[in-house]
């Protein structure tokens, strides 16, 4: 078997480790916190009322199981095209490793194309151009940024993440300062233990809320560029989940205090309505923040797609030309260009409305595969590698069951 098939724990060459914990967390937040929360506020309010924040905490708890599996595998093999590497290490099947890697690329392309189309509506508020022109301009401009040195492109994305998170924190801060009831009414969040129907409603809302957390797993695909990944990657994964869960739960709670649940549930732009009620600022302000959020979502996906393509080529699954690095920026320019081109094609040509819903489902399929890979690796080895983050044997089993259960429940809820 080749050295690449053996998947050494440390990348022997190629990409440079320049990203700190701060960079990694900002990247994780940028790819996780997205447009979902802007819509899910209304959905959660309609399903669970004042108990909706608990659904987001529950969703984060479920996702944390798979996050632990990603943390262990990411510290065992801190390389690009991570999911493909995990499958290769577990099953030693090149075709399966390639299929998983391409599945990751496909889901990210669809997600980025969806975000690109969504960004046009917000940008059109400020720039009177047609949707195709805006989409093409956005994708190409973000593609140029993605071609910069990783430390530069991730820093750029990190600044946009701070603006995006800052907008949500503005809502949270305004809610707790303008509406004192946000604190005094906290006990209303917890339902009476005998209200079985309420708990069933919260469980159903948690299923929807899970999809708002998807994206954190992309952190493993920049592990090859993280300083001291065995120490930094697990922290970045769990910090991303924890911060996201806090922001989501707080935003939902403040929204419920500011606007009655019934009104939130029927609003087409629930978070914009909350923003206007709390701050009195024009809706254009929230649109500007939404522009930043969508642009951020595009660039972090581009960075990840390029690293997966590079990693697949570096391990011999794709033509070696795709692993070429720019002597100036040290980034995979051809791999980046292919990702940008695919996003642009899907955004402009392919009807993505139906495909967009499948990104979350396919991500759960990837979760199932990754947890299975870790279970198999744990059973095959005599002892875990030193220095790696090691989770208990039951964790990937629970991650596998929870991810598979979410897929099954999603089939019944369509």
Protein backbone atom coordinates (compact mmCIF):
# COMPACT_ATOMS: atom_id res chain seq x y z
CA UNK A 1 0.00 0.00 0.00
CA UNK A 2 1.28 3.48 -0.82
CA UNK A 3 2.35 6.02 1.78
CA UNK A 4 -0.61 8.19 0.83
CA UNK A 5 -3.00 5.33 1.49
CA UNK A 6 -1.44 4.96 4.94
CA UNK A 7 -2.38 8.56 5.65
CA UNK A 8 0.36 9.88 7.94
CA UNK A 9 -0.83 11.87 10.89
CA UNK A 10 1.05 14.96 9.81
CA UNK A 11 1.07 16.41 6.29
CA UNK A 12 4.64 16.01 4.99
CA UNK A 13 4.54 18.97 2.63
CA UNK A 14 2.33 21.37 0.77
CA UNK A 15 0.05 23.78 2.59
CA UNK A 16 1.54 25.99 5.30
CA UNK A 17 0.30 25.96 8.90
CA UNK A 18 -0.47 29.64 9.52
CA UNK A 19 -3.91 29.64 11.18
CA UNK A 20 -4.28 30.23 14.92
CA UNK A 21 -7.16 29.24 17.20
CA UNK A 22 -8.73 32.65 16.64
CA UNK A 23 -8.61 32.21 12.87
CA UNK A 24 -10.07 28.71 13.15
CA UNK A 25 -12.95 29.77 15.41
CA UNK A 26 -13.80 32.75 13.21
CA UNK A 27 -13.74 30.46 10.17
CA UNK A 28 -15.95 27.96 11.98
CA UNK A 29 -18.43 30.62 13.04
CA UNK A 30 -18.46 32.06 9.53
CA UNK A 31 -19.34 28.75 7.92
CA UNK A 32 -21.84 27.73 10.64
CA UNK A 33 -23.77 30.90 11.43
CA UNK A 34 -25.66 31.74 8.28
CA UNK A 35 -28.99 32.63 6.80
CA UNK A 36 -30.67 29.74 8.63
CA UNK A 37 -31.14 31.64 11.88
CA UNK A 38 -32.89 34.48 10.03
CA UNK A 39 -35.62 32.06 8.94
CA UNK A 40 -35.63 29.55 11.78
CA UNK A 41 -36.60 32.16 14.38
CA UNK A 42 -40.11 32.24 12.96
CA UNK A 43 -40.35 28.47 12.46
CA UNK A 44 -39.16 27.75 15.99
CA UNK A 45 -41.55 30.31 17.48
CA UNK A 46 -44.49 28.76 15.66
CA UNK A 47 -43.64 25.23 16.79
CA UNK A 48 -42.45 25.69 20.36
CA UNK A 49 -43.36 29.22 21.42
CA UNK A 50 -41.46 30.42 24.49
CA UNK A 51 -39.69 27.05 24.76
CA UNK A 52 -37.97 27.41 21.36
CA UNK A 53 -34.49 28.29 22.75
CA UNK A 54 -34.35 24.85 24.37
CA UNK A 55 -34.65 23.30 20.90
CA UNK A 56 -31.41 24.97 19.81
CA UNK A 57 -29.62 23.82 22.95
CA UNK A 58 -30.89 20.30 22.30
CA UNK A 59 -29.80 20.44 18.66
CA UNK A 60 -26.30 21.56 19.71
CA UNK A 61 -26.10 18.64 22.16
CA UNK A 62 -26.92 16.16 19.39
CA UNK A 63 -24.46 17.75 16.96
CA UNK A 64 -21.75 17.71 19.66
CA UNK A 65 -21.58 13.91 19.40
CA UNK A 66 -20.49 14.04 15.77
CA UNK A 67 -18.28 17.05 16.55
CA UNK A 68 -16.34 14.85 18.99
CA UNK A 69 -15.85 12.26 16.24
CA UNK A 70 -14.59 14.95 13.86
CA UNK A 71 -12.28 16.24 16.62
CA UNK A 72 -10.70 12.82 17.13
CA UNK A 73 -10.30 12.04 13.46
CA UNK A 74 -9.09 15.56 12.74
CA UNK A 75 -6.30 15.25 15.31
CA UNK A 76 -5.39 11.75 14.10
CA UNK A 77 -5.21 12.96 10.48
CA UNK A 78 -4.91 16.78 10.25
CA UNK A 79 -5.03 16.86 6.45
CA UNK A 80 -7.10 18.37 3.65
CA UNK A 81 -9.96 16.34 2.14
CA UNK A 82 -10.40 15.11 5.68
CA UNK A 83 -13.57 13.05 5.34
CA UNK A 84 -12.05 11.20 2.39
CA UNK A 85 -8.90 10.57 4.43
CA UNK A 86 -10.92 9.13 7.32
CA UNK A 87 -12.75 6.72 5.02
CA UNK A 88 -9.49 5.68 3.36
CA UNK A 89 -7.92 4.94 6.75
CA UNK A 90 -10.95 2.91 7.83
CA UNK A 91 -11.75 0.94 4.67
CA UNK A 92 -8.68 1.17 2.39
CA UNK A 93 -10.90 1.68 -0.66
CA UNK A 94 -9.77 4.40 -3.05
CA UNK A 95 -13.10 4.57 -4.85
CA UNK A 96 -14.98 5.03 -1.59
CA UNK A 97 -12.59 7.70 -0.40
CA UNK A 98 -12.96 9.57 -3.70
CA UNK A 99 -16.75 9.26 -3.59
CA UNK A 100 -16.91 10.73 -0.09
CA UNK A 101 -14.56 13.57 -1.04
CA UNK A 102 -16.63 14.43 -4.11
CA UNK A 103 -19.80 14.25 -2.01
CA UNK A 104 -18.32 16.85 0.34
CA UNK A 105 -17.40 19.06 -2.61
CA UNK A 106 -20.86 18.70 -4.18
CA UNK A 107 -22.74 19.62 -1.00
CA UNK A 108 -20.49 22.64 -0.46
CA UNK A 109 -20.94 23.81 -4.07
CA UNK A 110 -24.73 23.59 -3.77
CA UNK A 111 -24.64 25.42 -0.43
CA UNK A 112 -22.41 28.20 -1.77
CA UNK A 113 -24.52 28.54 -4.94
CA UNK A 114 -27.66 28.84 -2.82
CA UNK A 115 -26.06 31.52 -0.67
CA UNK A 116 -24.86 33.35 -3.79
CA UNK A 117 -28.38 33.53 -5.20
CA UNK A 118 -29.71 34.59 -1.82
CA UNK A 119 -27.15 37.39 -1.56
CA UNK A 120 -28.49 39.01 -4.75
CA UNK A 121 -31.75 40.02 -3.08
CA UNK A 122 -29.95 41.84 -0.27
CA UNK A 123 -27.35 43.45 -2.52
CA UNK A 124 -30.07 44.66 -4.92
CA UNK A 125 -31.29 46.95 -2.11
CA UNK A 126 -28.09 48.96 -2.57
CA UNK A 127 -27.06 48.16 -6.17
CA UNK A 128 -29.74 48.34 -8.91
CA UNK A 129 -28.48 45.48 -11.08
CA UNK A 130 -30.08 42.27 -12.32
CA UNK A 131 -29.76 39.10 -10.28
CA UNK A 132 -27.44 37.23 -12.72
CA UNK A 133 -25.06 40.20 -12.87
CA UNK A 134 -24.94 40.51 -9.09
CA UNK A 135 -24.46 36.76 -8.60
CA UNK A 136 -21.65 36.60 -11.17
CA UNK A 137 -19.93 39.64 -9.67
CA UNK A 138 -20.18 38.31 -6.12
CA UNK A 139 -18.91 34.81 -6.96
CA UNK A 140 -15.98 36.09 -9.02
CA UNK A 141 -14.96 38.71 -6.45
CA UNK A 142 -15.11 36.19 -3.60
CA UNK A 143 -13.14 33.81 -5.82
CA UNK A 144 -10.33 36.35 -6.08
CA UNK A 145 -10.28 36.69 -2.28
CA UNK A 146 -10.18 32.89 -1.92
CA UNK A 147 -7.03 32.82 -4.09
CA UNK A 148 -5.08 34.94 -1.62
CA UNK A 149 -2.77 33.41 0.96
CA UNK A 150 -4.84 31.41 3.42
CA UNK A 151 -4.00 33.70 6.33
CA UNK A 152 -5.27 36.64 4.26
CA UNK A 153 -8.48 35.06 2.95
CA UNK A 154 -9.39 33.59 6.34
CA UNK A 155 -8.65 36.93 8.03
CA UNK A 156 -10.92 38.65 5.50
CA UNK A 157 -13.64 36.09 6.25
CA UNK A 158 -12.98 36.54 9.96
CA UNK A 159 -13.62 40.29 9.77
CA UNK A 160 -16.93 39.63 8.00
CA UNK A 161 -17.75 37.02 10.64
CA UNK A 162 -17.25 39.63 13.36
CA UNK A 163 -19.65 41.97 11.54
CA UNK A 164 -22.17 39.16 11.05
CA UNK A 165 -21.98 38.04 14.68
CA UNK A 166 -21.96 41.67 15.76
CA UNK A 167 -25.35 42.18 14.13
CA UNK A 168 -26.80 39.26 16.06
CA UNK A 169 -25.14 40.46 19.28
CA UNK A 170 -26.70 43.87 18.67
CA UNK A 171 -30.11 42.24 18.70
CA UNK A 172 -29.25 40.30 21.86
CA UNK A 173 -27.87 43.38 23.62
CA UNK A 174 -30.85 45.51 22.60
CA UNK A 175 -33.23 42.82 23.78
CA UNK A 176 -31.77 42.55 27.26
CA UNK A 177 -31.35 46.33 27.66
CA UNK A 178 -34.61 47.55 26.10
CA UNK A 179 -36.80 44.69 27.32
CA UNK A 180 -36.07 43.88 31.00
CA UNK A 181 -38.55 41.01 30.69
CA UNK A 182 -35.85 39.12 28.79
CA UNK A 183 -34.36 38.29 32.19
CA UNK A 184 -37.41 38.17 34.43
CA UNK A 185 -39.28 35.84 32.09
CA UNK A 186 -36.47 33.30 31.73
CA UNK A 187 -38.35 30.69 33.83
CA UNK A 188 -41.00 30.57 31.07
CA UNK A 189 -38.46 28.90 28.83
CA UNK A 190 -38.60 25.66 30.83
CA UNK A 191 -41.87 23.72 30.42
CA UNK A 192 -43.58 21.77 33.17
CA UNK A 193 -42.29 18.20 33.26
CA UNK A 194 -45.81 16.82 32.81
CA UNK A 195 -46.44 18.65 29.52
CA UNK A 196 -45.58 15.78 27.19
CA UNK A 197 -46.95 17.53 24.12
CA UNK A 198 -44.66 20.49 24.74
CA UNK A 199 -41.59 18.25 24.94
CA UNK A 200 -42.64 16.54 21.71
CA UNK A 201 -42.91 19.97 20.09
CA UNK A 202 -39.45 20.92 21.34
CA UNK A 203 -38.03 17.67 19.95
CA UNK A 204 -39.57 18.42 16.55
CA UNK A 205 -38.14 21.92 16.60
CA UNK A 206 -34.72 20.52 17.52
CA UNK A 207 -34.77 18.48 14.32
CA UNK A 208 -35.18 21.68 12.30
CA UNK A 209 -32.64 23.52 14.44
CA UNK A 210 -29.97 20.90 13.76
CA UNK A 211 -29.63 22.21 10.23
CA UNK A 212 -28.68 25.67 11.56
CA UNK A 213 -25.53 24.14 13.11
CA UNK A 214 -24.33 22.29 10.02
CA UNK A 215 -21.09 23.75 8.72
CA UNK A 216 -18.81 23.43 11.74
CA UNK A 217 -17.43 20.19 10.31
CA UNK A 218 -15.72 22.13 7.51
CA UNK A 219 -13.07 23.10 10.05
CA UNK A 220 -11.38 19.72 9.60
CA UNK A 221 -10.68 20.55 5.95
CA UNK A 222 -8.39 23.43 6.92
CA UNK A 223 -6.63 21.31 9.57
CA UNK A 224 -3.57 21.08 7.34
CA UNK A 225 -3.19 24.86 7.66
CA UNK A 226 -3.83 25.14 11.42
CA UNK A 227 -0.93 25.61 13.82
CA UNK A 228 -0.68 22.68 16.25
CA UNK A 229 -3.91 21.06 14.98
CA UNK A 230 -3.98 18.35 17.63
CA UNK A 231 -4.37 21.02 20.28
CA UNK A 232 -6.21 23.70 18.30
CA UNK A 233 -8.74 21.77 16.19
CA UNK A 234 -10.81 20.22 19.03
CA UNK A 235 -10.95 23.58 20.80
CA UNK A 236 -12.02 25.31 17.60
CA UNK A 237 -14.75 22.74 16.92
CA UNK A 238 -16.28 22.90 20.39
CA UNK A 239 -15.89 26.66 20.73
CA UNK A 240 -17.65 27.09 17.39
CA UNK A 241 -20.54 24.90 18.53
CA UNK A 242 -20.77 26.49 21.96
CA UNK A 243 -20.68 30.10 20.74
CA UNK A 244 -23.16 29.32 17.97
CA UNK A 245 -25.55 27.62 20.39
CA UNK A 246 -25.41 30.59 22.77
CA UNK A 247 -26.03 33.11 19.99
CA UNK A 248 -28.89 31.12 18.50
CA UNK A 249 -30.63 30.51 21.83
CA UNK A 250 -30.21 34.14 22.92
CA UNK A 251 -31.43 35.54 19.59
CA UNK A 252 -34.49 33.29 19.64
CA UNK A 253 -35.30 34.23 23.25
CA UNK A 254 -34.95 37.96 22.65
CA UNK A 255 -37.10 37.62 19.53
CA UNK A 256 -39.84 35.91 21.52
CA UNK A 257 -39.77 38.69 24.12
CA UNK A 258 -39.79 41.48 21.54
CA UNK A 259 -42.45 40.03 19.22
CA UNK A 260 -45.26 37.61 20.18
CA UNK A 261 -44.60 34.04 18.95
CA UNK A 262 -47.74 34.08 16.81
CA UNK A 263 -46.55 37.17 14.96
CA UNK A 264 -43.03 35.84 14.53
CA UNK A 265 -44.37 32.62 13.06
CA UNK A 266 -46.25 34.46 10.31
CA UNK A 267 -43.52 36.98 9.42
CA UNK A 268 -41.57 36.49 6.19
CA UNK A 269 -38.57 38.29 7.74
CA UNK A 270 -38.86 37.58 11.48
CA UNK A 271 -35.39 38.71 12.52
CA UNK A 272 -35.66 41.94 10.57
CA UNK A 273 -38.98 42.57 12.35
CA UNK A 274 -37.33 41.97 15.73
CA UNK A 275 -34.43 44.24 14.79
CA UNK A 276 -36.78 47.08 13.86
CA UNK A 277 -38.88 46.67 17.03
CA UNK A 278 -35.87 46.68 19.33
CA UNK A 279 -33.62 49.31 17.76
CA UNK A 280 -35.92 51.50 15.68
CA UNK A 281 -33.23 51.39 12.99
CA UNK A 282 -34.28 51.03 9.33
CA UNK A 283 -34.50 47.55 7.82
CA UNK A 284 -31.72 48.53 5.40
CA UNK A 285 -29.30 48.20 8.33
CA UNK A 286 -30.20 44.53 8.74
CA UNK A 287 -29.99 44.08 4.97
CA UNK A 288 -26.40 45.37 5.07
CA UNK A 289 -25.51 42.88 7.78
CA UNK A 290 -27.22 40.15 5.76
CA UNK A 291 -25.06 41.09 2.76
CA UNK A 292 -21.93 40.60 4.86
CA UNK A 293 -23.28 37.29 6.18
CA UNK A 294 -23.98 35.91 2.73
CA UNK A 295 -20.65 37.05 1.28
CA UNK A 296 -18.90 35.43 4.21
CA UNK A 297 -20.76 32.18 3.62
CA UNK A 298 -19.59 32.12 0.01
CA UNK A 299 -15.90 32.66 0.67
CA UNK A 300 -15.57 30.13 3.51
CA UNK A 301 -17.14 27.49 1.28
CA UNK A 302 -14.75 28.36 -1.55
CA UNK A 303 -11.75 27.96 0.75
CA UNK A 304 -13.00 24.57 1.92
CA UNK A 305 -13.87 23.27 -1.57
CA UNK A 306 -10.38 24.11 -2.84
CA UNK A 307 -8.76 22.28 0.10
CA UNK A 308 -10.83 19.16 -0.47
CA UNK A 309 -9.96 19.08 -4.19
CA UNK A 310 -6.30 19.71 -3.33
CA UNK A 311 -6.34 16.95 -0.70
CA UNK A 312 -7.92 14.43 -3.06
CA UNK A 313 -5.27 15.20 -5.68
CA UNK A 314 -2.47 15.08 -3.11
CA UNK A 315 -3.51 11.54 -2.17
CA UNK A 316 -3.70 10.41 -5.79
CA UNK A 317 -7.50 10.32 -6.16
CA UNK A 318 -7.59 13.22 -8.67
CA UNK A 319 -5.08 14.38 -11.32
CA UNK A 320 -1.87 15.68 -9.72
CA UNK A 321 -2.18 19.03 -11.50
CA UNK A 322 -4.93 19.91 -9.02
CA UNK A 323 -2.50 19.83 -6.09
CA UNK A 324 -0.34 22.57 -7.57
CA UNK A 325 0.26 25.50 -5.20
CA UNK A 326 0.89 29.11 -6.17
CA UNK A 327 4.51 30.11 -5.46
CA UNK A 328 3.21 33.52 -4.39
CA UNK A 329 0.22 32.74 -2.16
CA UNK A 330 0.88 29.07 -1.36
CA UNK A 331 -2.74 28.23 -2.18
CA UNK A 332 -4.19 25.74 -4.71
CA UNK A 333 -5.22 28.18 -7.45
CA UNK A 334 -6.50 25.64 -9.99
CA UNK A 335 -8.53 23.82 -7.35
CA UNK A 336 -9.95 27.16 -6.23
CA UNK A 337 -10.81 28.13 -9.81
CA UNK A 338 -12.67 24.83 -10.33
CA UNK A 339 -14.67 25.41 -7.16
CA UNK A 340 -15.50 28.99 -8.14
CA UNK A 341 -16.54 27.86 -11.63
CA UNK A 342 -18.79 25.12 -10.25
CA UNK A 343 -20.47 27.54 -7.83
CA UNK A 344 -21.04 30.06 -10.60
CA UNK A 345 -22.49 27.38 -12.91
CA UNK A 346 -24.96 26.10 -10.32
CA UNK A 347 -25.91 29.61 -9.22
CA UNK A 348 -26.65 30.85 -12.75
CA UNK A 349 -27.79 27.76 -14.65
CA UNK A 350 -29.05 25.00 -12.37
CA UNK A 351 -32.37 25.37 -10.50
CA UNK A 352 -31.14 24.99 -6.93
CA UNK A 353 -34.36 25.38 -4.95
CA UNK A 354 -34.90 21.65 -4.55
CA UNK A 355 -31.20 20.84 -4.36
CA UNK A 356 -30.63 23.31 -1.53
CA UNK A 357 -32.66 21.20 0.90
CA UNK A 358 -30.46 18.23 0.10
CA UNK A 359 -27.28 19.90 1.32
CA UNK A 360 -28.29 19.36 4.94
CA UNK A 361 -29.41 15.78 4.27
CA UNK A 362 -26.20 14.92 2.46
CA UNK A 363 -24.23 16.46 5.31
CA UNK A 364 -25.99 14.10 7.72
CA UNK A 365 -25.02 11.23 5.40
CA UNK A 366 -21.41 12.40 5.70
CA UNK A 367 -21.82 12.46 9.51
CA UNK A 368 -22.99 8.83 9.38
CA UNK A 369 -19.99 7.85 7.24
CA UNK A 370 -17.49 9.69 9.46
CA UNK A 371 -18.85 8.13 12.66
CA UNK A 372 -18.74 4.69 11.04
CA UNK A 373 -15.14 5.31 9.99
CA UNK A 374 -14.11 6.23 13.54
CA UNK A 375 -15.86 3.16 14.98
CA UNK A 376 -13.96 0.94 12.55
CA UNK A 377 -10.62 2.65 13.17
CA UNK A 378 -11.02 2.28 16.93
CA UNK A 379 -11.75 -1.43 16.56
CA UNK A 380 -8.77 -2.04 14.27
CA UNK A 381 -6.04 -0.37 16.32
CA UNK A 382 -4.22 -1.74 19.33
CA UNK A 383 -3.81 1.67 20.97
CA UNK A 384 -4.73 5.26 20.05
CA UNK A 385 -1.96 7.51 18.69
CA UNK A 386 -0.27 9.75 21.29
CA UNK A 387 -1.36 13.38 21.34
CA UNK A 388 -4.67 12.88 19.55
CA UNK A 389 -8.00 13.93 21.00
CA UNK A 390 -9.64 10.64 22.01
CA UNK A 391 -13.37 10.32 22.71
CA UNK A 392 -15.05 7.40 24.45
CA UNK A 393 -16.01 4.43 22.22
CA UNK A 394 -19.71 5.11 22.72
CA UNK A 395 -19.46 8.65 21.30
CA UNK A 396 -19.18 7.77 17.57
CA UNK A 397 -21.87 5.11 18.08
CA UNK A 398 -24.19 7.74 19.55
CA UNK A 399 -23.19 10.16 16.77
CA UNK A 400 -23.99 7.50 14.17
CA UNK A 401 -27.38 6.69 15.70
CA UNK A 402 -28.39 10.34 16.15
CA UNK A 403 -27.38 11.30 12.59
CA UNK A 404 -29.18 8.30 11.09
CA UNK A 405 -32.25 9.00 13.23
CA UNK A 406 -32.34 12.62 12.04
CA UNK A 407 -32.28 11.40 8.44
CA UNK A 408 -35.16 9.02 9.08
CA UNK A 409 -37.20 11.67 10.89
CA UNK A 410 -36.54 14.10 8.04
CA UNK A 411 -38.11 11.63 5.59
CA UNK A 412 -41.31 11.56 7.65
CA UNK A 413 -41.45 15.35 8.07
CA UNK A 414 -41.21 16.22 4.37
